Amino acid sequence: MKKLLVAFLLFGLCAAPAFMAPAEEPCGTLTPVRVLSQLGYQDTSGEIVIEPQWDEAGSFYNGRAWVRDDGDDRWGLIDTEGNSLSACRWEEAYPFFEGILSEDLAFVGCRESSLHHVQYGLVGRAGDVVAKAQWDRFEPAADGIAIIVKDGGYGFIDAASGTIFPPNWSFLTPVGHGLMLASQPAAEGDRWGFVTRDGNVLGEWWDGAMDFSHGLARVKRDEKFGFINGTGKLVIPCRWDSADDFSEGLVAVKTGDLWGFVDTSGQVVVKPQWQEASPLSQGLARVKKNGLSGYIDATGELVIPCMWEDAYSFSEGLALVERDGLHGYIDVTGRVVIKPQWEDAWPFVQGLALVEKDGLFGYIDIAGRVIIEPRWDYAGDFVQGLAYVEKNGMGGYIDESGNVVVNLEWDVVGAFSEGLAVVGKDGLFGYIDVTGQVVVRPRWEEAGLFSGGIAQVWKDGVRCFIDRQGNVIQRWY
């Protein structure tokens, strides 16, 4: 099964949103309204409650909105009465909500005359400067933690308390449960470990560390791998030459050239004896011996003999296997359910599997029946009843019956998010809904996915946030 590269995977060239928007919509009681050349705010009845006086006006979030005066490229803060809380002094200003940081703190940015880039700081709801502009960039809050970066060093802000931890690490990223994967500065040995939201190291530092999986994290010391638990305690000693992630209570480990399995206590359940081993999936793990693949159960018993040139993990009760360059499927007993006949094939997703014949792609069901004849130049898995397809360089979407629901008229088609997908044509991007209807016409040079009803877009070097109707709710120059 070679990797299929479809157009929506290429869409990484269009940046994702710089923040995760909140689940709720912006404050619905007041919305920007333009009168002649100026913007103010109206209530739900259409009555103007804040007189038009700004060149740009952002949406209200948690009772605060950013506005920009005519002829001024900087933003100021107002409340729902129109009172100025902060003069127009910020070149960038972000809404007050938890998706970026919190309802009480907002990131702002300005460019000092001696600098060539914007630096970021914090303001409070009263417009007061909580932290002066000093950081080179920030990463929006995840798990209540926002990352800040300065001169290559990483720090963080605890959104709940507002506590700022200076950029003293060489790398930080939230991994959930109030923890961050962290790296010490190279001057201190370039060690890896985990930092808690109060800034303390979880346990000790390691030569390497990976994210937690099923309550355990893989760590490395002296070129050997082991696992720690959520308190930082080493529960599986660093004795293995390589290790995978836990799945269904077991993890594949390697000593020398052979793979076996251990449980969460470190007890060897399957002694190392296999050339290759994959994680357990639906009670079976793929293993390889003498160049051929088969399957063992959680006790290590070989339940499907090593007879396949290649094989993959079970998905929806079937596993993809290969013989003589052709692909088919077997069930958990090893019985051939769909004989090898396809040039290439992929695991089942939502009852359908993508297959290739004569260089074209189609879909089969779990009985091996061809549901959608191979006719597409490229195709992807079904997600929520739709699959991306491409023909003659143009992309669209089909349903599970093979009907085209989004016409193949786009140079680039992104994945759906909140019912909308990014589409591109002639170098400009917009959005369509699941029926293929153009919701936001292509006019942006870059566009990100919608999250919480908001997407980030760019044009002529200007970054904007738009709503689901394509209305610009805030922009920066």
Protein backbone atom coordinates (compact mmCIF):
# COMPACT_ATOMS: atom_id res chain seq x y z
CA MET A 1 0.00 0.00 0.00
CA LYS A 2 1.86 3.06 -1.19
CA LYS A 3 1.00 6.45 0.24
CA LEU A 4 -1.68 8.20 -1.77
CA LEU A 5 -1.15 11.94 -1.94
CA VAL A 6 -4.42 13.70 -2.69
CA ALA A 7 -4.98 17.38 -3.21
CA PHE A 8 -6.47 18.13 0.16
CA LEU A 9 -3.29 16.84 1.83
CA LEU A 10 -1.34 19.31 -0.21
CA PHE A 11 -3.42 22.07 1.29
CA GLY A 12 -0.90 22.56 4.05
CA LEU A 13 0.42 25.44 1.96
CA CYS A 14 -2.56 27.45 3.19
CA ALA A 15 -1.96 28.28 6.83
CA ALA A 16 -4.40 27.03 9.45
CA PRO A 17 -6.07 29.49 11.78
CA ALA A 18 -3.74 31.15 14.25
CA PHE A 19 -6.14 30.29 17.08
CA MET A 20 -8.87 27.92 18.07
CA ALA A 21 -12.04 29.99 18.30
CA PRO A 22 -14.51 29.49 21.14
CA ALA A 23 -17.50 27.21 20.83
CA GLU A 24 -19.86 30.16 21.18
CA GLU A 25 -20.31 32.82 18.52
CA PRO A 26 -19.14 36.42 19.06
CA CYS A 27 -21.36 38.59 21.25
CA GLY A 28 -24.66 38.55 19.35
CA THR A 29 -26.14 41.71 20.86
CA LEU A 30 -23.86 44.17 19.06
CA THR A 31 -22.54 43.85 15.53
CA PRO A 32 -20.50 46.24 13.37
CA VAL A 33 -22.47 48.43 10.97
CA ARG A 34 -21.14 50.82 8.33
CA VAL A 35 -22.70 54.22 7.76
CA LEU A 36 -21.09 55.97 4.82
CA SER A 37 -17.36 55.49 5.42
CA GLN A 38 -17.44 54.89 9.19
CA LEU A 39 -18.19 51.87 11.36
CA GLY A 40 -20.16 51.70 14.58
CA TYR A 41 -22.33 49.07 16.24
CA GLN A 42 -25.99 48.12 16.07
CA ASP A 43 -28.12 45.91 18.30
CA THR A 44 -30.27 42.99 17.21
CA SER A 45 -33.14 45.32 16.24
CA GLY A 46 -30.86 47.26 13.86
CA GLU A 47 -30.73 50.35 16.06
CA ILE A 48 -27.33 52.04 16.16
CA VAL A 49 -26.15 52.07 19.78
CA ILE A 50 -22.50 53.08 19.24
CA GLU A 51 -22.12 55.88 16.73
CA PRO A 52 -20.06 55.14 13.59
CA GLN A 53 -16.63 56.68 14.11
CA TRP A 54 -14.02 54.06 13.18
CA ASP A 55 -12.42 52.92 9.98
CA GLU A 56 -12.39 49.29 11.15
CA ALA A 57 -14.40 47.61 13.91
CA GLY A 58 -14.03 44.05 15.17
CA SER A 59 -16.69 41.84 16.68
CA PHE A 60 -17.35 41.90 20.42
CA TYR A 61 -16.03 38.99 22.47
CA ASN A 62 -16.81 38.88 26.17
CA GLY A 63 -17.80 42.52 26.18
CA ARG A 64 -14.74 43.89 24.40
CA ALA A 65 -14.01 44.86 20.78
CA TRP A 66 -10.98 46.22 18.95
CA VAL A 67 -11.42 49.27 16.71
CA ARG A 68 -9.17 51.28 14.39
CA ASP A 69 -9.41 55.01 13.70
CA ASP A 70 -9.50 56.41 10.19
CA GLY A 71 -5.98 56.92 8.93
CA ASP A 72 -4.44 55.01 11.85
CA ASP A 73 -3.05 51.52 11.41
CA ARG A 74 -3.31 50.73 15.13
CA TRP A 75 -6.04 49.23 17.24
CA GLY A 76 -7.73 50.38 20.43
CA LEU A 77 -10.12 48.69 22.85
CA ILE A 78 -13.74 49.63 23.62
CA ASP A 79 -16.52 48.24 25.81
CA THR A 80 -20.17 47.68 24.89
CA GLU A 81 -20.97 51.31 25.76
CA GLY A 82 -18.42 52.56 23.25
CA ASN A 83 -16.05 53.77 25.98
CA SER A 84 -12.39 53.79 25.01
CA LEU A 85 -10.40 51.50 27.31
CA SER A 86 -7.16 51.65 25.40
CA ALA A 87 -5.92 54.18 22.86
CA CYS A 88 -5.22 53.01 19.32
CA ARG A 89 -1.64 51.85 19.88
CA TRP A 90 -1.50 48.20 18.83
CA GLU A 91 -0.64 46.97 15.33
CA GLU A 92 -2.18 43.60 16.14
CA ALA A 93 -4.86 42.80 18.73
CA TYR A 94 -6.61 39.51 19.46
CA PRO A 95 -10.06 38.87 20.99
CA PHE A 96 -10.63 38.09 24.65
CA PHE A 97 -11.56 34.41 24.74
CA GLU A 98 -10.23 31.08 25.88
CA GLY A 99 -9.43 29.90 22.36
CA ILE A 100 -6.51 32.33 22.28
CA LEU A 101 -5.79 32.86 25.96
CA SER A 102 -8.66 33.82 28.29
CA GLU A 103 -11.68 36.07 28.77
CA ASP A 104 -9.55 38.38 30.92
CA LEU A 105 -6.32 38.59 28.91
CA ALA A 106 -5.63 39.28 25.22
CA PHE A 107 -2.48 39.21 23.13
CA VAL A 108 -1.48 42.47 21.44
CA GLY A 109 1.41 43.31 19.15
CA CYS A 110 3.39 46.37 18.16
CA ARG A 111 6.54 47.14 16.21
CA GLU A 112 9.23 49.23 17.87
CA SER A 113 11.12 51.55 15.56
CA SER A 114 14.35 49.63 16.13
CA LEU A 115 12.76 46.29 15.25
CA HIS A 116 11.67 44.84 11.93
CA HIS A 117 8.99 42.56 13.33
CA VAL A 118 5.99 42.77 15.60
CA GLN A 119 6.49 41.78 19.23
CA TYR A 120 3.69 40.60 21.48
CA GLY A 121 2.48 41.35 24.97
CA LEU A 122 -0.71 41.18 27.03
CA VAL A 123 -3.51 43.57 27.98
CA GLY A 124 -6.32 43.12 30.49
CA ARG A 125 -10.03 43.78 30.07
CA ALA A 126 -9.56 47.33 31.35
CA GLY A 127 -7.07 48.01 28.56
CA ASP A 128 -4.16 47.92 31.02
CA VAL A 129 -0.82 46.54 29.88
CA VAL A 130 -0.23 43.32 31.79
CA ALA A 131 2.97 42.40 29.95
CA LYS A 132 4.80 44.78 27.63
CA ALA A 133 5.34 43.77 24.02
CA GLN A 134 8.43 41.55 24.19
CA TRP A 135 7.78 38.12 22.63
CA ASP A 136 8.59 37.27 19.02
CA ARG A 137 5.49 35.11 18.62
CA PHE A 138 2.88 33.18 20.56
CA GLU A 139 0.95 29.98 20.09
CA PRO A 140 -2.74 30.12 21.11
CA ALA A 141 -3.86 28.31 24.20
CA ALA A 142 -4.24 24.55 24.14
CA ASP A 143 -5.30 22.79 27.31
CA GLY A 144 -5.28 26.21 29.00
CA ILE A 145 -1.64 26.86 28.14
CA ALA A 146 -0.38 29.46 25.64
CA ILE A 147 3.21 29.23 24.41
CA ILE A 148 5.38 32.35 24.08
CA VAL A 149 8.67 32.52 22.17
CA LYS A 150 11.56 34.98 22.34
CA ASP A 151 15.00 34.67 20.71
CA GLY A 152 14.39 30.96 20.13
CA GLY A 153 13.47 30.31 23.76
CA TYR A 154 10.06 28.98 24.81
CA GLY A 155 7.92 29.95 27.79
CA PHE A 156 4.23 29.77 28.55
CA ILE A 157 1.24 31.47 30.14
CA ASP A 158 -1.20 29.58 32.33
CA ALA A 159 -4.53 30.90 31.07
CA ALA A 160 -6.41 30.16 34.30
CA SER A 161 -4.09 32.09 36.61
CA GLY A 162 -2.48 34.43 34.11
CA THR A 163 0.95 33.40 35.43
CA ILE A 164 3.75 34.04 32.94
CA PHE A 165 6.71 31.65 32.81
CA PRO A 166 9.63 33.26 30.91
CA PRO A 167 11.10 31.65 27.75
CA ASN A 168 13.75 29.53 29.49
CA TRP A 169 13.25 26.29 27.55
CA SER A 170 14.50 25.45 24.05
CA PHE A 171 11.15 23.86 23.16
CA LEU A 172 7.65 23.54 24.66
CA THR A 173 4.37 22.15 23.40
CA PRO A 174 1.19 21.21 25.33
CA VAL A 175 0.41 17.48 25.34
CA GLY A 176 -2.73 17.48 27.50
CA HIS A 177 -3.49 16.88 31.16
CA GLY A 178 -1.72 20.12 32.11
CA LEU A 179 1.65 18.90 30.79
CA MET A 180 4.08 20.18 28.18
CA LEU A 181 6.74 18.25 26.32
CA ALA A 182 9.88 20.30 26.96
CA SER A 183 13.54 20.51 26.06
CA GLN A 184 16.29 22.11 28.10
CA PRO A 185 18.59 24.64 26.38
CA ALA A 186 21.52 23.05 24.55
CA ALA A 187 23.88 24.69 27.06
CA GLU A 188 22.31 22.50 29.75
CA GLY A 189 22.62 19.29 27.78
CA ASP A 190 19.64 19.46 25.41
CA ARG A 191 17.59 17.04 27.55
CA TRP A 192 13.90 16.24 27.17
CA GLY A 193 11.06 15.77 29.61
CA PHE A 194 7.73 17.16 30.76
CA VAL A 195 6.87 20.43 32.50
CA THR A 196 3.73 20.94 34.58
CA ARG A 197 1.55 24.07 34.36
CA ASP A 198 3.20 25.39 37.53
CA GLY A 199 6.58 25.32 35.78
CA ASN A 200 8.03 22.28 37.52
CA VAL A 201 9.72 19.32 35.85
CA LEU A 202 7.72 16.08 35.98
CA GLY A 203 10.21 13.60 37.40
CA GLU A 204 13.54 14.06 35.64
CA TRP A 205 15.12 14.95 32.32
CA TRP A 206 15.84 12.33 29.64
CA ASP A 207 17.91 11.99 26.47
CA GLY A 208 14.60 11.84 24.60
CA ALA A 209 10.88 11.84 25.36
CA MET A 210 7.68 11.27 23.41
CA ASP A 211 4.05 12.17 24.10
CA PHE A 212 1.88 10.16 26.50
CA SER A 213 -0.14 7.27 25.11
CA HIS A 214 -2.53 5.27 27.28
CA GLY A 215 -1.11 6.93 30.39
CA LEU A 216 2.53 6.17 29.64
CA ALA A 217 5.22 8.17 27.84
CA ARG A 218 8.22 6.76 26.02
CA VAL A 219 11.60 8.05 27.26
CA LYS A 220 15.20 7.43 26.21
CA ARG A 221 18.43 7.17 28.15
CA ASP A 222 21.82 5.92 26.94
CA GLU A 223 20.26 4.86 23.63
CA LYS A 224 17.70 2.62 25.37
CA PHE A 225 13.93 3.13 25.67
CA GLY A 226 11.55 2.81 28.63
CA PHE A 227 8.30 4.35 29.86
CA ILE A 228 7.23 6.73 32.62
CA ASN A 229 3.76 7.18 34.13
CA GLY A 230 1.79 10.38 34.75
CA THR A 231 3.77 11.18 37.91
CA GLY A 232 7.09 10.93 36.10
CA LYS A 233 8.02 7.58 37.67
CA LEU A 234 9.97 5.16 35.47
CA VAL A 235 7.69 2.10 35.36
CA ILE A 236 9.37 0.27 32.46
CA PRO A 237 13.18 0.48 32.65
CA CYS A 238 15.17 1.84 29.71
CA ARG A 239 16.39 -1.47 28.32
CA TRP A 240 14.92 -1.65 24.82
CA ASP A 241 16.67 -0.67 21.58
CA SER A 242 13.39 0.63 20.15
CA ALA A 243 9.78 0.86 21.24
CA ASP A 244 6.41 1.78 19.75
CA ASP A 245 3.35 3.30 21.51
CA PHE A 246 0.98 1.28 23.68
CA SER A 247 -2.14 -0.15 22.05
CA GLU A 248 -4.68 -2.42 23.70
CA GLY A 249 -2.47 -2.80 26.77
CA LEU A 250 0.71 -3.92 25.00
CA VAL A 251 3.62 -2.21 23.30
CA ALA A 252 6.02 -3.57 20.68
CA VAL A 253 9.65 -3.42 21.84
CA LYS A 254 12.90 -4.33 20.14
CA THR A 255 16.12 -5.86 21.39
CA GLY A 256 18.86 -6.41 18.86
CA ASP A 257 17.11 -7.19 15.58
CA LEU A 258 14.00 -8.79 17.04
CA TRP A 259 10.63 -7.48 18.25
CA GLY A 260 8.36 -8.66 21.05
CA PHE A 261 5.71 -7.18 23.35
CA VAL A 262 5.54 -6.04 26.97
CA ASP A 263 2.57 -4.98 29.11
CA THR A 264 2.12 -1.75 31.11
CA SER A 265 4.14 -3.17 34.01
CA GLY A 266 7.08 -3.97 31.76
CA GLN A 267 6.45 -7.71 31.90
CA VAL A 268 7.47 -9.49 28.70
CA VAL A 269 4.31 -11.03 27.23
CA VAL A 270 5.71 -12.00 23.84
CA LYS A 271 9.44 -12.64 23.79
CA PRO A 272 11.38 -10.84 21.02
CA GLN A 273 11.40 -13.16 18.00
CA TRP A 274 9.94 -11.20 15.08
CA GLN A 275 11.68 -9.19 12.34
CA GLU A 276 8.86 -6.63 12.52
CA ALA A 277 5.87 -6.03 14.77
CA SER A 278 2.99 -3.54 14.60
CA PRO A 279 0.71 -2.36 17.43
CA LEU A 280 -2.29 -4.49 18.39
CA SER A 281 -5.46 -3.62 16.50
CA GLN A 282 -8.73 -5.43 17.16
CA GLY A 283 -6.85 -8.02 19.22
CA LEU A 284 -4.24 -8.92 16.60
CA ALA A 285 -0.78 -7.60 15.79
CA ARG A 286 0.99 -7.92 12.47
CA VAL A 287 4.40 -9.62 12.70
CA LYS A 288 7.01 -10.60 10.15
CA LYS A 289 9.39 -13.56 9.97
CA ASN A 290 11.59 -14.72 7.08
CA GLY A 291 10.27 -11.79 5.04
CA LEU A 292 6.60 -12.81 5.30
CA SER A 293 3.83 -11.32 7.44
CA GLY A 294 1.20 -12.92 9.68
CA TYR A 295 -0.65 -12.10 12.91
CA ILE A 296 -0.36 -12.97 16.60
CA ASP A 297 -2.89 -12.47 19.38
CA ALA A 298 -2.30 -10.70 22.71
CA THR A 299 -0.76 -13.86 24.21
CA GLY A 300 1.77 -14.18 21.40
CA GLU A 301 0.12 -17.14 19.69
CA LEU A 302 0.51 -17.11 15.92
CA VAL A 303 -3.12 -17.24 14.76
CA ILE A 304 -2.57 -16.31 11.11
CA PRO A 305 0.56 -17.86 9.57
CA CYS A 306 3.30 -15.70 8.10
CA MET A 307 2.42 -16.17 4.44
CA TRP A 308 1.85 -12.68 3.07
CA GLU A 309 4.42 -10.53 1.28
CA ASP A 310 3.01 -7.56 3.14
CA ALA A 311 0.15 -6.98 5.56
CA TYR A 312 -1.41 -4.14 7.54
CA SER A 313 -3.32 -3.69 10.79
CA PHE A 314 -6.94 -4.78 11.07
CA SER A 315 -9.61 -2.14 10.46
CA GLU A 316 -13.36 -2.80 10.64
CA GLY A 317 -12.72 -6.54 10.94
CA LEU A 318 -10.53 -6.90 7.85
CA ALA A 319 -6.82 -6.55 7.17
CA LEU A 320 -5.19 -5.52 3.91
CA VAL A 321 -2.70 -8.10 2.61
CA GLU A 322 -0.45 -8.39 -0.43
CA ARG A 323 0.72 -11.30 -2.58
CA ASP A 324 2.44 -11.24 -5.98
CA GLY A 325 2.03 -7.46 -6.07
CA LEU A 326 -1.76 -7.63 -5.72
CA HIS A 327 -3.86 -6.54 -2.73
CA GLY A 328 -6.81 -8.21 -1.02
CA TYR A 329 -8.31 -8.63 2.47
CA ILE A 330 -8.52 -11.31 5.16
CA ASP A 331 -10.68 -11.61 8.28
CA VAL A 332 -9.49 -12.24 11.87
CA THR A 333 -9.38 -16.02 11.25
CA GLY A 334 -7.04 -15.55 8.29
CA ARG A 335 -9.71 -16.47 5.75
CA VAL A 336 -9.39 -14.64 2.45
CA VAL A 337 -12.53 -12.54 2.15
CA ILE A 338 -11.49 -10.50 -0.87
CA LYS A 339 -8.88 -12.22 -3.01
CA PRO A 340 -5.78 -10.21 -3.99
CA GLN A 341 -6.68 -8.51 -7.25
CA TRP A 342 -6.02 -4.78 -6.81
CA GLU A 343 -2.87 -2.94 -7.85
CA ASP A 344 -3.12 -0.99 -4.62
CA ALA A 345 -5.63 -0.74 -1.80
CA TRP A 346 -6.22 0.93 1.55
CA PRO A 347 -7.85 -0.09 4.87
CA PHE A 348 -11.64 0.05 5.25
CA VAL A 349 -13.13 3.30 6.53
CA GLN A 350 -16.87 3.59 7.17
CA GLY A 351 -17.51 0.30 5.35
CA LEU A 352 -15.67 1.25 2.15
CA ALA A 353 -12.08 0.76 1.00
CA LEU A 354 -10.24 2.71 -1.65
CA VAL A 355 -8.75 0.52 -4.39
CA GLU A 356 -6.69 1.10 -7.52
CA LYS A 357 -6.89 -0.61 -10.91
CA ASP A 358 -5.16 0.44 -14.13
CA GLY A 359 -4.06 3.63 -12.39
CA LEU A 360 -7.61 4.67 -11.50
CA PHE A 361 -9.31 4.72 -8.09
CA GLY A 362 -12.67 3.43 -6.90
CA TYR A 363 -14.27 1.84 -3.82
CA ILE A 364 -15.35 -1.62 -2.66
CA ASP A 365 -17.47 -2.81 0.31
CA ILE A 366 -16.50 -5.44 2.90
CA ALA A 367 -17.90 -8.19 0.66
CA GLY A 368 -15.55 -7.12 -2.12
CA ARG A 369 -18.31 -5.72 -4.31
CA VAL A 370 -17.31 -2.74 -6.41
CA ILE A 371 -19.51 0.07 -5.17
CA ILE A 372 -17.86 2.89 -7.11
CA GLU A 373 -16.06 1.89 -10.29
CA PRO A 374 -12.38 2.91 -10.54
CA ARG A 375 -12.52 6.06 -12.63
CA TRP A 376 -10.79 8.76 -10.60
CA ASP A 377 -7.21 9.93 -11.01
CA TYR A 378 -6.95 10.51 -7.25
CA ALA A 379 -9.26 9.82 -4.34
CA GLY A 380 -9.38 9.82 -0.54
CA ASP A 381 -11.20 8.06 2.27
CA PHE A 382 -14.81 8.86 3.09
CA VAL A 383 -15.29 11.28 5.97
CA GLN A 384 -18.84 11.96 7.15
CA GLY A 385 -20.22 10.48 3.94
CA LEU A 386 -18.04 12.41 1.48
CA ALA A 387 -14.78 11.58 -0.28
CA TYR A 388 -12.43 13.80 -2.22
CA VAL A 389 -11.86 12.81 -5.86
CA GLU A 390 -9.91 14.28 -8.74
CA LYS A 391 -10.06 13.97 -12.52
CA ASN A 392 -7.92 15.75 -15.08
CA GLY A 393 -6.40 17.93 -12.41
CA MET A 394 -9.72 19.22 -11.04
CA GLY A 395 -11.11 18.19 -7.65
CA GLY A 396 -14.50 17.77 -5.99
CA TYR A 397 -16.44 15.44 -3.68
CA ILE A 398 -18.60 12.35 -4.15
CA ASP A 399 -21.07 10.63 -1.80
CA GLU A 400 -21.04 6.94 -0.85
CA SER A 401 -23.10 6.09 -3.94
CA GLY A 402 -20.53 7.68 -6.21
CA ASN A 403 -22.68 10.68 -7.03
CA VAL A 404 -20.79 13.92 -7.52
CA VAL A 405 -22.04 16.35 -4.88
CA VAL A 406 -19.31 18.96 -5.28
CA ASN A 407 -18.51 19.51 -8.94
CA LEU A 408 -14.97 18.82 -10.10
CA GLU A 409 -14.15 22.42 -10.90
CA TRP A 410 -11.51 23.34 -8.30
CA ASP A 411 -7.71 23.41 -8.54
CA VAL A 412 -7.49 22.75 -4.78
CA VAL A 413 -10.10 21.34 -2.41
CA GLY A 414 -9.56 21.20 1.35
CA ALA A 415 -11.11 18.97 3.99
CA PHE A 416 -14.46 19.98 5.47
CA SER A 417 -14.44 21.71 8.84
CA GLU A 418 -17.68 22.85 10.49
CA GLY A 419 -19.51 22.10 7.24
CA LEU A 420 -17.28 24.27 5.04
CA ALA A 421 -14.27 23.38 2.89
CA VAL A 422 -11.59 25.61 1.44
CA VAL A 423 -11.52 25.60 -2.37
CA GLY A 424 -9.08 27.26 -4.73
CA LYS A 425 -9.14 28.32 -8.33
CA ASP A 426 -6.66 30.41 -10.31
CA GLY A 427 -4.68 31.09 -7.14
CA LEU A 428 -7.58 32.44 -5.06
CA PHE A 429 -9.41 30.66 -2.24
CA GLY A 430 -12.94 30.63 -0.88
CA TYR A 431 -15.33 28.21 0.82
CA ILE A 432 -18.08 25.78 -0.20
CA ASP A 433 -20.66 23.86 1.84
CA VAL A 434 -21.34 20.11 1.66
CA THR A 435 -23.72 20.58 -1.27
CA GLY A 436 -21.01 22.30 -3.30
CA GLN A 437 -22.63 25.72 -2.96
CA VAL A 438 -20.11 28.55 -2.89
CA VAL A 439 -20.56 30.24 0.48
CA VAL A 440 -17.55 32.55 0.36
CA ARG A 441 -16.40 33.36 -3.16
CA PRO A 442 -12.70 32.79 -3.93
CA ARG A 443 -10.90 36.08 -3.34
CA TRP A 444 -8.25 35.27 -0.74
CA GLU A 445 -4.63 34.40 -1.49
CA GLU A 446 -4.52 32.02 1.50
CA ALA A 447 -7.25 30.56 3.68
CA GLY A 448 -7.45 28.38 6.78
CA LEU A 449 -10.03 26.01 8.22
CA PHE A 450 -13.05 27.28 10.12
CA SER A 451 -13.00 26.79 13.87
CA GLY A 452 -15.72 28.13 16.14
CA GLY A 453 -17.31 29.96 13.21
CA ILE A 454 -14.15 31.89 12.32
CA ALA A 455 -11.39 31.41 9.72
CA GLN A 456 -8.16 33.25 9.09
CA VAL A 457 -7.49 34.50 5.54
CA TRP A 458 -4.88 36.65 3.77
CA LYS A 459 -4.78 38.98 0.81
CA ASP A 460 -2.16 41.53 -0.31
CA GLY A 461 -0.25 40.93 2.90
CA VAL A 462 -3.33 41.70 5.02
CA ARG A 463 -4.45 39.09 7.54
CA CYS A 464 -8.16 38.94 8.35
CA PHE A 465 -10.65 36.93 10.35
CA ILE A 466 -13.91 36.19 8.56
CA ASP A 467 -17.19 34.66 9.65
CA ARG A 468 -19.07 31.84 7.88
CA GLN A 469 -20.71 34.33 5.49
CA GLY A 470 -17.33 35.75 4.47
CA ASN A 471 -17.73 38.99 6.42
CA VAL A 472 -14.45 40.42 7.67
CA ILE A 473 -14.67 40.73 11.45
CA GLN A 474 -11.11 41.92 12.06
CA ARG A 475 -8.00 42.63 10.03
CA TRP A 476 -4.37 43.67 10.54
CA TYR A 477 -2.05 45.58 8.23
